[in-house]
Amino acid sequence: MLTFDEVLKIQAEAEALLAGNEHEVDSRRVLELVRDSNCSAYDCEFIALAVRLGTKVVTMDGKMLREFPQYAVPLSKALT
C-alpha cells in the first residue's frame, strides 16, 4: 500500500514526464467516428488522434482493429 503522499509524488512525476506531449483532438471528428462505428468515444479519441498525427494506434482491442483496420494495428504486428 502506498501512502497518500507517495501517490501524490508518483502522480506529479507522471505528469512531469507527459508535460508538453499532450494533444488536442477534434470533438466533432471523434463524434463522427462514434456515429460511424461500434466503438466508444474513448476509443475513437485515439483513432482521431492517430489520423491527425498520421500514425497508427497499436492495440489489442478487437473492436478497434475490426472497425478501423486502416488506423489500428495489432500489438503482435507492432512487435515484429
C-alpha atoms as a PDB file:
ATOM      1  CA  MET A   1       0.000   0.000   0.000  1.00  0.00           C
ATOM      2  CA  LEU A   2       1.123   3.474  -0.796  1.00  0.00           C
ATOM      3  CA  THR A   3       0.550   6.474   1.381  1.00  0.00           C
ATOM      4  CA  PHE A   4      -1.394   9.411   0.037  1.00  0.00           C
ATOM      5  CA  ASP A   5       1.802  11.492  -0.118  1.00  0.00           C
ATOM      6  CA  GLU A   6       3.569   8.727  -2.094  1.00  0.00           C
ATOM      7  CA  VAL A   7       0.691   8.599  -4.556  1.00  0.00           C
ATOM      8  CA  LEU A   8       0.797  12.377  -4.973  1.00  0.00           C
ATOM      9  CA  LYS A   9       4.546  12.232  -5.655  1.00  0.00           C
ATOM     10  CA  ILE A  10       4.135   9.453  -8.255  1.00  0.00           C
ATOM     11  CA  GLN A  11       1.302  11.362  -9.930  1.00  0.00           C
ATOM     12  CA  ALA A  12       3.391  14.536 -10.086  1.00  0.00           C
ATOM     13  CA  GLU A  13       6.288  12.596 -11.636  1.00  0.00           C
ATOM     14  CA  ALA A  14       3.982  11.054 -14.249  1.00  0.00           C
ATOM     15  CA  GLU A  15       2.521  14.442 -15.133  1.00  0.00           C
ATOM     16  CA  ALA A  16       6.016  15.931 -15.446  1.00  0.00           C
ATOM     17  CA  LEU A  17       7.024  13.147 -17.842  1.00  0.00           C
ATOM     18  CA  LEU A  18       3.995  13.842 -20.029  1.00  0.00           C
ATOM     19  CA  ALA A  19       4.204  17.650 -19.903  1.00  0.00           C
ATOM     20  CA  GLY A  20       4.295  19.121 -23.387  1.00  0.00           C
ATOM     21  CA  ASN A  21       3.250  15.860 -25.029  1.00  0.00           C
ATOM     22  CA  GLU A  22      -0.488  16.316 -24.744  1.00  0.00           C
ATOM     23  CA  HIS A  23      -2.557  16.567 -27.917  1.00  0.00           C
ATOM     24  CA  GLU A  24      -5.992  18.015 -28.557  1.00  0.00           C
ATOM     25  CA  VAL A  25      -8.500  16.072 -30.599  1.00  0.00           C
ATOM     26  CA  ASP A  26     -11.330  17.459 -32.680  1.00  0.00           C
ATOM     27  CA  SER A  27     -14.539  16.608 -30.811  1.00  0.00           C
ATOM     28  CA  ARG A  28     -16.625  16.691 -33.963  1.00  0.00           C
ATOM     29  CA  ARG A  29     -14.309  14.157 -35.618  1.00  0.00           C
ATOM     30  CA  VAL A  30     -14.497  11.921 -32.552  1.00  0.00           C
ATOM     31  CA  LEU A  31     -18.296  12.027 -32.610  1.00  0.00           C
ATOM     32  CA  GLU A  32     -18.336  11.277 -36.344  1.00  0.00           C
ATOM     33  CA  LEU A  33     -16.172   8.224 -35.704  1.00  0.00           C
ATOM     34  CA  VAL A  34     -18.527   7.133 -32.911  1.00  0.00           C
ATOM     35  CA  ARG A  35     -21.530   7.595 -35.198  1.00  0.00           C
ATOM     36  CA  ASP A  36     -19.917   5.572 -37.985  1.00  0.00           C
ATOM     37  CA  SER A  37     -18.578   2.720 -35.853  1.00  0.00           C
ATOM     38  CA  ASN A  38     -19.404   0.499 -32.909  1.00  0.00           C
ATOM     39  CA  CYS A  39     -16.566   1.923 -30.822  1.00  0.00           C
ATOM     40  CA  SER A  40     -16.771   4.096 -27.743  1.00  0.00           C
ATOM     41  CA  ALA A  41     -15.941   7.793 -27.753  1.00  0.00           C
ATOM     42  CA  TYR A  42     -12.887   6.923 -25.660  1.00  0.00           C
ATOM     43  CA  ASP A  43     -11.589   4.560 -28.377  1.00  0.00           C
ATOM     44  CA  CYS A  44     -12.480   6.999 -31.135  1.00  0.00           C
ATOM     45  CA  GLU A  45     -10.396   9.708 -29.477  1.00  0.00           C
ATOM     46  CA  PHE A  46      -7.326   7.539 -30.035  1.00  0.00           C
ATOM     47  CA  ILE A  47      -8.298   6.919 -33.655  1.00  0.00           C
ATOM     48  CA  ALA A  48      -8.912  10.635 -34.289  1.00  0.00           C
ATOM     49  CA  LEU A  49      -5.547  11.478 -32.777  1.00  0.00           C
ATOM     50  CA  ALA A  50      -3.761   8.828 -34.835  1.00  0.00           C
ATOM     51  CA  VAL A  51      -5.343  10.208 -38.010  1.00  0.00           C
ATOM     52  CA  ARG A  52      -4.327  13.743 -37.060  1.00  0.00           C
ATOM     53  CA  LEU A  53      -0.753  12.691 -36.312  1.00  0.00           C
ATOM     54  CA  GLY A  54      -0.504  10.458 -39.380  1.00  0.00           C
ATOM     55  CA  THR A  55       0.232   7.344 -37.374  1.00  0.00           C
ATOM     56  CA  LYS A  56      -1.471   4.148 -36.224  1.00  0.00           C
ATOM     57  CA  VAL A  57      -2.963   3.012 -32.935  1.00  0.00           C
ATOM     58  CA  VAL A  58      -1.270  -0.118 -31.588  1.00  0.00           C
ATOM     59  CA  THR A  59      -3.894  -2.098 -29.713  1.00  0.00           C
ATOM     60  CA  MET A  60      -5.152  -5.476 -28.632  1.00  0.00           C
ATOM     61  CA  ASP A  61      -8.752  -4.230 -28.791  1.00  0.00           C
ATOM     62  CA  GLY A  62     -10.517  -6.441 -31.309  1.00  0.00           C
ATOM     63  CA  LYS A  63     -13.335  -3.980 -31.895  1.00  0.00           C
ATOM     64  CA  MET A  64     -10.925  -1.155 -32.766  1.00  0.00           C
ATOM     65  CA  LEU A  65      -8.984  -3.474 -35.061  1.00  0.00           C
ATOM     66  CA  ARG A  66     -12.183  -4.522 -36.871  1.00  0.00           C
ATOM     67  CA  GLU A  67     -13.745  -1.077 -37.072  1.00  0.00           C
ATOM     68  CA  PHE A  68     -10.601   0.838 -38.040  1.00  0.00           C
ATOM     69  CA  PRO A  69      -8.214  -1.521 -39.855  1.00  0.00           C
ATOM     70  CA  GLN A  70      -6.638   1.405 -41.688  1.00  0.00           C
ATOM     71  CA  TYR A  71      -5.730   3.166 -38.438  1.00  0.00           C
ATOM     72  CA  ALA A  72      -5.289   0.355 -35.893  1.00  0.00           C
ATOM     73  CA  VAL A  73      -2.685  -2.396 -35.895  1.00  0.00           C
ATOM     74  CA  PRO A  74      -2.447  -5.358 -33.541  1.00  0.00           C
ATOM     75  CA  LEU A  75       0.278  -5.345 -30.927  1.00  0.00           C
ATOM     76  CA  SER A  76       1.649  -8.589 -32.351  1.00  0.00           C
ATOM     77  CA  LYS A  77       2.415  -6.868 -35.679  1.00  0.00           C
ATOM     78  CA  ALA A  78       3.969  -3.865 -33.959  1.00  0.00           C
ATOM     79  CA  LEU A  79       6.428  -6.142 -32.149  1.00  0.00           C
ATOM     80  CA  THR A  80       7.761  -7.764 -35.332  1.00  0.00           C
END
